[in-house]
Amino acid sequence: MAKKNSPQQLAYTTVSIYDQTYHLTGQDSDHIRRLAAQVDAKMRAVAAQGNTVDSLRVAVLAALNLADELAQSSGADARKGHNRAASLRGLLDEVLEADLKTGS
């Protein structure tokens, strides 16, 4: 699972998103787990509504849904919304890059 490190150090956190295991790094393992759970839930909801089995397409559609939710909720605090979007975009980029490297 996760190694507990001091707040300044990056911890490795293992999460499962849409039946794939990812080893992510960050300062807050609990936050990473919560984000991964949100992404997993959104991907499963998208997959249940659609007829695609391509996990990349499901991931992109889930990302669009999350971005839309973020845009709607961040009207009062645009800076916070932009920071959160950048964080989610970084996590999505990391997941997609890992898929490209492993050929998944």
PDB file of N, CA and C in Angstrom:
ATOM      1  N   MET A   1       0.827  -1.178   0.000  1.00  0.00           N
ATOM      2  CA  MET A   1       0.000   0.000   0.000  1.00  0.00           C
ATOM      3  C   MET A   1       0.872   1.241   0.000  1.00  0.00           C
ATOM      4  N   ALA A   2       0.622   2.191   0.850  1.00  0.00           N
ATOM      5  CA  ALA A   2       1.342   3.456   0.831  1.00  0.00           C
ATOM      6  C   ALA A   2       2.381   3.484   1.932  1.00  0.00           C
ATOM      7  N   LYS A   3       3.478   4.141   1.629  1.00  0.00           N
ATOM      8  CA  LYS A   3       4.491   4.396   2.626  1.00  0.00           C
ATOM      9  C   LYS A   3       4.194   5.755   3.227  1.00  0.00           C
ATOM     10  N   LYS A   4       4.159   5.850   4.547  1.00  0.00           N
ATOM     11  CA  LYS A   4       3.920   7.129   5.206  1.00  0.00           C
ATOM     12  C   LYS A   4       5.254   7.865   5.315  1.00  0.00           C
ATOM     13  N   ASN A   5       5.321   9.040   4.740  1.00  0.00           N
ATOM     14  CA  ASN A   5       6.513   9.856   4.772  1.00  0.00           C
ATOM     15  C   ASN A   5       6.173  11.203   5.377  1.00  0.00           C
ATOM     16  N   SER A   6       7.195  12.001   5.634  1.00  0.00           N
ATOM     17  CA  SER A   6       6.949  13.341   6.143  1.00  0.00           C
ATOM     18  C   SER A   6       6.240  14.158   5.070  1.00  0.00           C
ATOM     19  N   PRO A   7       5.551  15.243   5.469  1.00  0.00           N
ATOM     20  CA  PRO A   7       4.753  16.011   4.514  1.00  0.00           C
ATOM     21  C   PRO A   7       5.539  16.524   3.309  1.00  0.00           C
ATOM     22  N   GLN A   8       6.834  16.740   3.441  1.00  0.00           N
ATOM     23  CA  GLN A   8       7.620  17.248   2.330  1.00  0.00           C
ATOM     24  C   GLN A   8       8.037  16.160   1.347  1.00  0.00           C
ATOM     25  N   GLN A   9       7.981  14.910   1.762  1.00  0.00           N
ATOM     26  CA  GLN A   9       8.398  13.812   0.901  1.00  0.00           C
ATOM     27  C   GLN A   9       7.214  13.246   0.139  1.00  0.00           C
ATOM     28  N   LEU A  10       7.520  12.721  -1.032  1.00  0.00           N
ATOM     29  CA  LEU A  10       6.481  12.090  -1.828  1.00  0.00           C
ATOM     30  C   LEU A  10       6.318  10.643  -1.379  1.00  0.00           C
ATOM     31  N   ALA A  11       5.080  10.220  -1.249  1.00  0.00           N
ATOM     32  CA  ALA A  11       4.775   8.846  -0.860  1.00  0.00           C
ATOM     33  C   ALA A  11       4.257   8.094  -2.075  1.00  0.00           C
ATOM     34  N   TYR A  12       4.577   6.818  -2.149  1.00  0.00           N
ATOM     35  CA  TYR A  12       4.028   5.965  -3.196  1.00  0.00           C
ATOM     36  C   TYR A  12       2.703   5.403  -2.702  1.00  0.00           C
ATOM     37  N   THR A  13       1.699   5.508  -3.541  1.00  0.00           N
ATOM     38  CA  THR A  13       0.372   5.036  -3.200  1.00  0.00           C
ATOM     39  C   THR A  13      -0.118   4.133  -4.326  1.00  0.00           C
ATOM     40  N   THR A  14      -0.578   2.963  -3.980  1.00  0.00           N
ATOM     41  CA  THR A  14      -1.121   2.043  -4.978  1.00  0.00           C
ATOM     42  C   THR A  14      -2.640   2.146  -4.954  1.00  0.00           C
ATOM     43  N   VAL A  15      -3.202   2.392  -6.137  1.00  0.00           N
ATOM     44  CA  VAL A  15      -4.651   2.514  -6.266  1.00  0.00           C
ATOM     45  C   VAL A  15      -5.119   1.650  -7.425  1.00  0.00           C
ATOM     46  N   SER A  16      -6.409   1.349  -7.416  1.00  0.00           N
ATOM     47  CA  SER A  16      -7.014   0.614  -8.516  1.00  0.00           C
ATOM     48  C   SER A  16      -8.087   1.499  -9.139  1.00  0.00           C
ATOM     49  N   ILE A  17      -7.955   1.711 -10.441  1.00  0.00           N
ATOM     50  CA  ILE A  17      -8.930   2.499 -11.183  1.00  0.00           C
ATOM     51  C   ILE A  17      -9.385   1.662 -12.366  1.00  0.00           C
ATOM     52  N   TYR A  18     -10.666   1.378 -12.402  1.00  0.00           N
ATOM     53  CA  TYR A  18     -11.264   0.626 -13.501  1.00  0.00           C
ATOM     54  C   TYR A  18     -10.508  -0.685 -13.741  1.00  0.00           C
ATOM     55  N   ASP A  19     -10.275  -1.399 -12.644  1.00  0.00           N
ATOM     56  CA  ASP A  19      -9.624  -2.707 -12.633  1.00  0.00           C
ATOM     57  C   ASP A  19      -8.167  -2.686 -13.092  1.00  0.00           C
ATOM     58  N   GLN A  20      -7.537  -1.534 -13.031  1.00  0.00           N
ATOM     59  CA  GLN A  20      -6.115  -1.413 -13.339  1.00  0.00           C
ATOM     60  C   GLN A  20      -5.409  -0.873 -12.103  1.00  0.00           C
ATOM     61  N   THR A  21      -4.232  -1.382 -11.816  1.00  0.00           N
ATOM     62  CA  THR A  21      -3.456  -0.935 -10.666  1.00  0.00           C
ATOM     63  C   THR A  21      -2.459   0.130 -11.102  1.00  0.00           C
ATOM     64  N   TYR A  22      -2.394   1.193 -10.321  1.00  0.00           N
ATOM     65  CA  TYR A  22      -1.472   2.294 -10.598  1.00  0.00           C
ATOM     66  C   TYR A  22      -0.692   2.608  -9.336  1.00  0.00           C
ATOM     67  N   HIS A  23       0.577   2.911  -9.509  1.00  0.00           N
ATOM     68  CA  HIS A  23       1.457   3.305  -8.412  1.00  0.00           C
ATOM     69  C   HIS A  23       1.741   4.785  -8.612  1.00  0.00           C
ATOM     70  N   LEU A  24       1.141   5.599  -7.768  1.00  0.00           N
ATOM     71  CA  LEU A  24       1.225   7.047  -7.912  1.00  0.00           C
ATOM     72  C   LEU A  24       2.049   7.631  -6.777  1.00  0.00           C
ATOM     73  N   THR A  25       2.607   8.797  -7.011  1.00  0.00           N
ATOM     74  CA  THR A  25       3.350   9.482  -5.969  1.00  0.00           C
ATOM     75  C   THR A  25       2.691  10.820  -5.671  1.00  0.00           C
ATOM     76  N   GLY A  26       2.794  11.218  -4.437  1.00  0.00           N
ATOM     77  CA  GLY A  26       2.248  12.495  -4.011  1.00  0.00           C
ATOM     78  C   GLY A  26       2.484  12.672  -2.524  1.00  0.00           C
ATOM     79  N   GLN A  27       2.171  13.848  -2.042  1.00  0.00           N
ATOM     80  CA  GLN A  27       2.406  14.147  -0.634  1.00  0.00           C
ATOM     81  C   GLN A  27       1.285  13.657   0.266  1.00  0.00           C
ATOM     82  N   ASP A  28       0.099  13.441  -0.285  1.00  0.00           N
ATOM     83  CA  ASP A  28      -1.060  13.078   0.537  1.00  0.00           C
ATOM     84  C   ASP A  28      -1.706  11.811  -0.021  1.00  0.00           C
ATOM     85  N   SER A  29      -1.333  10.675   0.533  1.00  0.00           N
ATOM     86  CA  SER A  29      -1.833   9.383   0.052  1.00  0.00           C
ATOM     87  C   SER A  29      -3.349   9.271   0.162  1.00  0.00           C
ATOM     88  N   ASP A  30      -3.913   9.794   1.230  1.00  0.00           N
ATOM     89  CA  ASP A  30      -5.371   9.722   1.390  1.00  0.00           C
ATOM     90  C   ASP A  30      -6.080  10.513   0.299  1.00  0.00           C
ATOM     91  N   HIS A  31      -5.540  11.664  -0.027  1.00  0.00           N
ATOM     92  CA  HIS A  31      -6.117  12.492  -1.094  1.00  0.00           C
ATOM     93  C   HIS A  31      -6.041  11.759  -2.435  1.00  0.00           C
ATOM     94  N   ILE A  32      -4.912  11.126  -2.701  1.00  0.00           N
ATOM     95  CA  ILE A  32      -4.744  10.370  -3.945  1.00  0.00           C
ATOM     96  C   ILE A  32      -5.760   9.235  -4.000  1.00  0.00           C
ATOM     97  N   ARG A  33      -5.950   8.538  -2.876  1.00  0.00           N
ATOM     98  CA  ARG A  33      -6.932   7.447  -2.841  1.00  0.00           C
ATOM     99  C   ARG A  33      -8.353   7.963  -3.090  1.00  0.00           C
ATOM    100  N   ARG A  34      -8.690   9.115  -2.502  1.00  0.00           N
ATOM    101  CA  ARG A  34     -10.026   9.688  -2.721  1.00  0.00           C
ATOM    102  C   ARG A  34     -10.209  10.071  -4.187  1.00  0.00           C
ATOM    103  N   LEU A  35      -9.206  10.690  -4.794  1.00  0.00           N
ATOM    104  CA  LEU A  35      -9.293  11.052  -6.208  1.00  0.00           C
ATOM    105  C   LEU A  35      -9.431   9.804  -7.079  1.00  0.00           C
ATOM    106  N   ALA A  36      -8.640   8.784  -6.777  1.00  0.00           N
ATOM    107  CA  ALA A  36      -8.710   7.544  -7.553  1.00  0.00           C
ATOM    108  C   ALA A  36     -10.099   6.915  -7.440  1.00  0.00           C
ATOM    109  N   ALA A  37     -10.677   6.962  -6.250  1.00  0.00           N
ATOM    110  CA  ALA A  37     -12.022   6.410  -6.062  1.00  0.00           C
ATOM    111  C   ALA A  37     -13.047   7.194  -6.875  1.00  0.00           C
ATOM    112  N   GLN A  38     -12.889   8.524  -6.937  1.00  0.00           N
ATOM    113  CA  GLN A  38     -13.790   9.346  -7.743  1.00  0.00           C
ATOM    114  C   GLN A  38     -13.666   9.000  -9.222  1.00  0.00           C
ATOM    115  N   VAL A  39     -12.443   8.872  -9.689  1.00  0.00           N
ATOM    116  CA  VAL A  39     -12.216   8.546 -11.097  1.00  0.00           C
ATOM    117  C   VAL A  39     -12.765   7.166 -11.413  1.00  0.00           C
ATOM    118  N   ASP A  40     -12.513   6.208 -10.533  1.00  0.00           N
ATOM    119  CA  ASP A  40     -13.022   4.852 -10.734  1.00  0.00           C
ATOM    120  C   ASP A  40     -14.553   4.855 -10.806  1.00  0.00           C
ATOM    121  N   ALA A  41     -15.189   5.554  -9.885  1.00  0.00           N
ATOM    122  CA  ALA A  41     -16.653   5.611  -9.874  1.00  0.00           C
ATOM    123  C   ALA A  41     -17.184   6.275 -11.145  1.00  0.00           C
ATOM    124  N   LYS A  42     -16.536   7.345 -11.574  1.00  0.00           N
ATOM    125  CA  LYS A  42     -17.000   8.041 -12.777  1.00  0.00           C
ATOM    126  C   LYS A  42     -16.811   7.158 -14.005  1.00  0.00           C
ATOM    127  N   MET A  43     -15.689   6.452 -14.094  1.00  0.00           N
ATOM    128  CA  MET A  43     -15.460   5.564 -15.237  1.00  0.00           C
ATOM    129  C   MET A  43     -16.495   4.446 -15.265  1.00  0.00           C
ATOM    130  N   ARG A  44     -16.819   3.898 -14.115  1.00  0.00           N
ATOM    131  CA  ARG A  44     -17.818   2.830 -14.065  1.00  0.00           C
ATOM    132  C   ARG A  44     -19.202   3.350 -14.449  1.00  0.00           C
ATOM    133  N   ALA A  45     -19.516   4.564 -14.034  1.00  0.00           N
ATOM    134  CA  ALA A  45     -20.802   5.159 -14.400  1.00  0.00           C
ATOM    135  C   ALA A  45     -20.873   5.410 -15.901  1.00  0.00           C
ATOM    136  N   VAL A  46     -19.788   5.909 -16.486  1.00  0.00           N
ATOM    137  CA  VAL A  46     -19.743   6.154 -17.934  1.00  0.00           C
ATOM    138  C   VAL A  46     -19.868   4.834 -18.682  1.00  0.00           C
ATOM    139  N   ALA A  47     -19.140   3.822 -18.237  1.00  0.00           N
ATOM    140  CA  ALA A  47     -19.177   2.518 -18.905  1.00  0.00           C
ATOM    141  C   ALA A  47     -20.572   1.895 -18.825  1.00  0.00           C
ATOM    142  N   ALA A  48     -21.238   2.096 -17.703  1.00  0.00           N
ATOM    143  CA  ALA A  48     -22.578   1.523 -17.531  1.00  0.00           C
ATOM    144  C   ALA A  48     -23.595   2.203 -18.446  1.00  0.00           C
ATOM    145  N   GLN A  49     -23.375   3.463 -18.773  1.00  0.00           N
ATOM    146  CA  GLN A  49     -24.308   4.200 -19.613  1.00  0.00           C
ATOM    147  C   GLN A  49     -24.046   4.010 -21.098  1.00  0.00           C
ATOM    148  N   GLY A  50     -22.807   3.661 -21.434  1.00  0.00           N
ATOM    149  CA  GLY A  50     -22.444   3.547 -22.843  1.00  0.00           C
ATOM    150  C   GLY A  50     -22.309   2.110 -23.279  1.00  0.00           C
ATOM    151  N   ASN A  51     -21.853   1.958 -24.522  1.00  0.00           N
ATOM    152  CA  ASN A  51     -21.664   0.606 -25.034  1.00  0.00           C
ATOM    153  C   ASN A  51     -20.232   0.393 -25.506  1.00  0.00           C
ATOM    154  N   THR A  52     -19.298   1.171 -24.965  1.00  0.00           N
ATOM    155  CA  THR A  52     -17.903   0.988 -25.320  1.00  0.00           C
ATOM    156  C   THR A  52     -17.185   0.176 -24.243  1.00  0.00           C
ATOM    157  N   VAL A  53     -16.275  -0.664 -24.681  1.00  0.00           N
ATOM    158  CA  VAL A  53     -15.463  -1.436 -23.739  1.00  0.00           C
ATOM    159  C   VAL A  53     -14.016  -0.951 -23.757  1.00  0.00           C
ATOM    160  N   ASP A  54     -13.730   0.024 -24.606  1.00  0.00           N
ATOM    161  CA  ASP A  54     -12.386   0.585 -24.708  1.00  0.00           C
ATOM    162  C   ASP A  54     -12.113   1.470 -23.493  1.00  0.00           C
ATOM    163  N   SER A  55     -11.194   1.035 -22.637  1.00  0.00           N
ATOM    164  CA  SER A  55     -10.955   1.763 -21.393  1.00  0.00           C
ATOM    165  C   SER A  55     -10.426   3.170 -21.630  1.00  0.00           C
ATOM    166  N   LEU A  56      -9.699   3.392 -22.717  1.00  0.00           N
ATOM    167  CA  LEU A  56      -9.221   4.746 -23.004  1.00  0.00           C
ATOM    168  C   LEU A  56     -10.397   5.671 -23.302  1.00  0.00           C
ATOM    169  N   ARG A  57     -11.340   5.198 -24.089  1.00  0.00           N
ATOM    170  CA  ARG A  57     -12.528   6.015 -24.388  1.00  0.00           C
ATOM    171  C   ARG A  57     -13.343   6.276 -23.122  1.00  0.00           C
ATOM    172  N   VAL A  58     -13.472   5.264 -22.283  1.00  0.00           N
ATOM    173  CA  VAL A  58     -14.186   5.429 -21.022  1.00  0.00           C
ATOM    174  C   VAL A  58     -13.467   6.473 -20.172  1.00  0.00           C
ATOM    175  N   ALA A  59     -12.134   6.415 -20.133  1.00  0.00           N
ATOM    176  CA  ALA A  59     -11.354   7.381 -19.347  1.00  0.00           C
ATOM    177  C   ALA A  59     -11.549   8.805 -19.859  1.00  0.00           C
ATOM    178  N   VAL A  60     -11.537   8.977 -21.175  1.00  0.00           N
ATOM    179  CA  VAL A  60     -11.705  10.312 -21.748  1.00  0.00           C
ATOM    180  C   VAL A  60     -13.103  10.838 -21.451  1.00  0.00           C
ATOM    181  N   LEU A  61     -14.119  10.006 -21.608  1.00  0.00           N
ATOM    182  CA  LEU A  61     -15.480  10.439 -21.308  1.00  0.00           C
ATOM    183  C   LEU A  61     -15.646  10.751 -19.818  1.00  0.00           C
ATOM    184  N   ALA A  62     -15.032   9.964 -18.962  1.00  0.00           N
ATOM    185  CA  ALA A  62     -15.081  10.240 -17.527  1.00  0.00           C
ATOM    186  C   ALA A  62     -14.383  11.556 -17.214  1.00  0.00           C
ATOM    187  N   ALA A  63     -13.241  11.798 -17.869  1.00  0.00           N
ATOM    188  CA  ALA A  63     -12.515  13.052 -17.662  1.00  0.00           C
ATOM    189  C   ALA A  63     -13.356  14.249 -18.094  1.00  0.00           C
ATOM    190  N   LEU A  64     -14.041  14.115 -19.196  1.00  0.00           N
ATOM    191  CA  LEU A  64     -14.917  15.198 -19.655  1.00  0.00           C
ATOM    192  C   LEU A  64     -16.050  15.443 -18.656  1.00  0.00           C
ATOM    193  N   ASN A  65     -16.626  14.374 -18.133  1.00  0.00           N
ATOM    194  CA  ASN A  65     -17.677  14.520 -17.122  1.00  0.00           C
ATOM    195  C   ASN A  65     -17.144  15.202 -15.868  1.00  0.00           C
ATOM    196  N   LEU A  66     -15.980  14.788 -15.408  1.00  0.00           N
ATOM    197  CA  LEU A  66     -15.380  15.401 -14.223  1.00  0.00           C
ATOM    198  C   LEU A  66     -15.037  16.864 -14.477  1.00  0.00           C
ATOM    199  N   ALA A  67     -14.518  17.164 -15.661  1.00  0.00           N
ATOM    200  CA  ALA A  67     -14.193  18.555 -16.003  1.00  0.00           C
ATOM    201  C   ALA A  67     -15.447  19.417 -16.029  1.00  0.00           C
ATOM    202  N   ASP A  68     -16.539  18.867 -16.552  1.00  0.00           N
ATOM    203  CA  ASP A  68     -17.808  19.598 -16.577  1.00  0.00           C
ATOM    204  C   ASP A  68     -18.308  19.857 -15.159  1.00  0.00           C
ATOM    205  N   GLU A  69     -18.253  18.853 -14.301  1.00  0.00           N
ATOM    206  CA  GLU A  69     -18.663  19.020 -12.909  1.00  0.00           C
ATOM    207  C   GLU A  69     -17.802  20.079 -12.224  1.00  0.00           C
ATOM    208  N   LEU A  70     -16.526  20.048 -12.502  1.00  0.00           N
ATOM    209  CA  LEU A  70     -15.603  21.011 -11.909  1.00  0.00           C
ATOM    210  C   LEU A  70     -15.906  22.425 -12.388  1.00  0.00           C
ATOM    211  N   ALA A  71     -16.149  22.566 -13.677  1.00  0.00           N
ATOM    212  CA  ALA A  71     -16.450  23.885 -14.239  1.00  0.00           C
ATOM    213  C   ALA A  71     -17.725  24.451 -13.623  1.00  0.00           C
ATOM    214  N   GLN A  72     -18.714  23.608 -13.420  1.00  0.00           N
ATOM    215  CA  GLN A  72     -19.976  24.071 -12.845  1.00  0.00           C
ATOM    216  C   GLN A  72     -19.837  24.438 -11.374  1.00  0.00           C
ATOM    217  N   SER A  73     -18.972  23.732 -10.663  1.00  0.00           N
ATOM    218  CA  SER A  73     -18.845  23.970  -9.230  1.00  0.00           C
ATOM    219  C   SER A  73     -17.814  25.039  -8.887  1.00  0.00           C
ATOM    220  N   SER A  74     -16.990  25.431  -9.831  1.00  0.00           N
ATOM    221  CA  SER A  74     -15.894  26.356  -9.509  1.00  0.00           C
ATOM    222  C   SER A  74     -16.197  27.792  -9.899  1.00  0.00           C
ATOM    223  N   GLY A  75     -17.430  28.103 -10.224  1.00  0.00           N
ATOM    224  CA  GLY A  75     -17.766  29.459 -10.625  1.00  0.00           C
ATOM    225  C   GLY A  75     -17.400  30.499  -9.576  1.00  0.00           C
ATOM    226  N   ALA A  76     -17.599  30.211  -8.304  1.00  0.00           N
ATOM    227  CA  ALA A  76     -17.323  31.173  -7.242  1.00  0.00           C
ATOM    228  C   ALA A  76     -15.832  31.328  -6.980  1.00  0.00           C
ATOM    229  N   ASP A  77     -15.072  30.302  -7.197  1.00  0.00           N
ATOM    230  CA  ASP A  77     -13.650  30.353  -6.900  1.00  0.00           C
ATOM    231  C   ASP A  77     -12.883  29.782  -8.081  1.00  0.00           C
ATOM    232  N   ALA A  78     -12.703  30.583  -9.112  1.00  0.00           N
ATOM    233  CA  ALA A  78     -12.081  30.120 -10.352  1.00  0.00           C
ATOM    234  C   ALA A  78     -10.649  29.645 -10.138  1.00  0.00           C
ATOM    235  N   ARG A  79      -9.891  30.316  -9.300  1.00  0.00           N
ATOM    236  CA  ARG A  79      -8.496  29.928  -9.087  1.00  0.00           C
ATOM    237  C   ARG A  79      -8.422  28.518  -8.488  1.00  0.00           C
ATOM    238  N   LYS A  80      -9.256  28.256  -7.487  1.00  0.00           N
ATOM    239  CA  LYS A  80      -9.285  26.928  -6.870  1.00  0.00           C
ATOM    240  C   LYS A  80      -9.697  25.883  -7.902  1.00  0.00           C
ATOM    241  N   GLY A  81     -10.677  26.228  -8.725  1.00  0.00           N
ATOM    242  CA  GLY A  81     -11.127  25.311  -9.766  1.00  0.00           C
ATOM    243  C   GLY A  81     -10.041  25.010 -10.775  1.00  0.00           C
ATOM    244  N   HIS A  82      -9.288  26.041 -11.169  1.00  0.00           N
ATOM    245  CA  HIS A  82      -8.197  25.843 -12.122  1.00  0.00           C
ATOM    246  C   HIS A  82      -7.112  24.949 -11.529  1.00  0.00           C
ATOM    247  N   ASN A  83      -6.801  25.162 -10.251  1.00  0.00           N
ATOM    248  CA  ASN A  83      -5.795  24.319  -9.596  1.00  0.00           C
ATOM    249  C   ASN A  83      -6.250  22.874  -9.513  1.00  0.00           C
ATOM    250  N   ARG A  84      -7.521  22.677  -9.189  1.00  0.00           N
ATOM    251  CA  ARG A  84      -8.046  21.307  -9.096  1.00  0.00           C
ATOM    252  C   ARG A  84      -8.059  20.657 -10.475  1.00  0.00           C
ATOM    253  N   ALA A  85      -8.447  21.422 -11.491  1.00  0.00           N
ATOM    254  CA  ALA A  85      -8.457  20.886 -12.857  1.00  0.00           C
ATOM    255  C   ALA A  85      -7.046  20.489 -13.279  1.00  0.00           C
ATOM    256  N   ALA A  86      -6.055  21.311 -12.943  1.00  0.00           N
ATOM    257  CA  ALA A  86      -4.673  20.989 -13.284  1.00  0.00           C
ATOM    258  C   ALA A  86      -4.228  19.710 -12.589  1.00  0.00           C
ATOM    259  N   SER A  87      -4.638  19.543 -11.340  1.00  0.00           N
ATOM    260  CA  SER A  87      -4.297  18.329 -10.600  1.00  0.00           C
ATOM    261  C   SER A  87      -4.928  17.099 -11.241  1.00  0.00           C
ATOM    262  N   LEU A  88      -6.208  17.199 -11.584  1.00  0.00           N
ATOM    263  CA  LEU A  88      -6.895  16.076 -12.227  1.00  0.00           C
ATOM    264  C   LEU A  88      -6.309  15.787 -13.598  1.00  0.00           C
ATOM    265  N   ARG A  89      -5.968  16.847 -14.335  1.00  0.00           N
ATOM    266  CA  ARG A  89      -5.369  16.671 -15.656  1.00  0.00           C
ATOM    267  C   ARG A  89      -4.028  15.956 -15.528  1.00  0.00           C
ATOM    268  N   GLY A  90      -3.247  16.322 -14.510  1.00  0.00           N
ATOM    269  CA  GLY A  90      -1.954  15.667 -14.282  1.00  0.00           C
ATOM    270  C   GLY A  90      -2.116  14.194 -13.966  1.00  0.00           C
ATOM    271  N   LEU A  91      -3.099  13.872 -13.135  1.00  0.00           N
ATOM    272  CA  LEU A  91      -3.349  12.460 -12.812  1.00  0.00           C
ATOM    273  C   LEU A  91      -3.798  11.684 -14.045  1.00  0.00           C
ATOM    274  N   LEU A  92      -4.675  12.298 -14.850  1.00  0.00           N
ATOM    275  CA  LEU A  92      -5.127  11.633 -16.069  1.00  0.00           C
ATOM    276  C   LEU A  92      -3.962  11.421 -17.031  1.00  0.00           C
ATOM    277  N   ASP A  93      -3.111  12.445 -17.186  1.00  0.00           N
ATOM    278  CA  ASP A  93      -1.936  12.307 -18.052  1.00  0.00           C
ATOM    279  C   ASP A  93      -1.047  11.169 -17.582  1.00  0.00           C
ATOM    280  N   GLU A  94      -0.863  11.067 -16.265  1.00  0.00           N
ATOM    281  CA  GLU A  94      -0.015  10.012 -15.699  1.00  0.00           C
ATOM    282  C   GLU A  94      -0.600   8.631 -15.988  1.00  0.00           C
ATOM    283  N   VAL A  95      -1.902   8.501 -15.835  1.00  0.00           N
ATOM    284  CA  VAL A  95      -2.563   7.219 -16.092  1.00  0.00           C
ATOM    285  C   VAL A  95      -2.465   6.849 -17.565  1.00  0.00           C
ATOM    286  N   LEU A  96      -2.746   7.815 -18.444  1.00  0.00           N
ATOM    287  CA  LEU A  96      -2.680   7.525 -19.872  1.00  0.00           C
ATOM    288  C   LEU A  96      -1.258   7.215 -20.322  1.00  0.00           C
ATOM    289  N   GLU A  97      -0.276   7.920 -19.756  1.00  0.00           N
ATOM    290  CA  GLU A  97       1.122   7.660 -20.093  1.00  0.00           C
ATOM    291  C   GLU A  97       1.520   6.246 -19.649  1.00  0.00           C
ATOM    292  N   ALA A  98       1.066   5.840 -18.476  1.00  0.00           N
ATOM    293  CA  ALA A  98       1.365   4.492 -17.987  1.00  0.00           C
ATOM    294  C   ALA A  98       0.739   3.443 -18.902  1.00  0.00           C
ATOM    295  N   ASP A  99      -0.482   3.718 -19.391  1.00  0.00           N
ATOM    296  CA  ASP A  99      -1.131   2.790 -20.313  1.00  0.00           C
ATOM    297  C   ASP A  99      -0.343   2.672 -21.607  1.00  0.00           C
ATOM    298  N   LEU A 100       0.170   3.781 -22.097  1.00  0.00           N
ATOM    299  CA  LEU A 100       0.965   3.742 -23.334  1.00  0.00           C
ATOM    300  C   LEU A 100       2.249   2.944 -23.150  1.00  0.00           C
ATOM    301  N   LYS A 101       2.877   3.105 -21.999  1.00  0.00           N
ATOM    302  CA  LYS A 101       4.132   2.397 -21.724  1.00  0.00           C
ATOM    303  C   LYS A 101       3.910   0.887 -21.608  1.00  0.00           C
ATOM    304  N   THR A 102       2.781   0.502 -20.994  1.00  0.00           N
ATOM    305  CA  THR A 102       2.527  -0.928 -20.792  1.00  0.00           C
ATOM    306  C   THR A 102       1.755  -1.560 -21.921  1.00  0.00           C
ATOM    307  N   GLY A 103       1.226  -0.728 -22.820  1.00  0.00           N
ATOM    308  CA  GLY A 103       0.466  -1.251 -23.931  1.00  0.00           C
ATOM    309  C   GLY A 103      -0.924  -1.706 -23.561  1.00  0.00           C
ATOM    310  N   SER A 104      -1.430  -1.216 -22.402  1.00  0.00           N
ATOM    311  CA  SER A 104      -2.773  -1.611 -21.926  1.00  0.00           C
ATOM    312  C   SER A 104      -3.837  -0.873 -22.700  1.00  0.00           C
TER     313      SER A 104
END
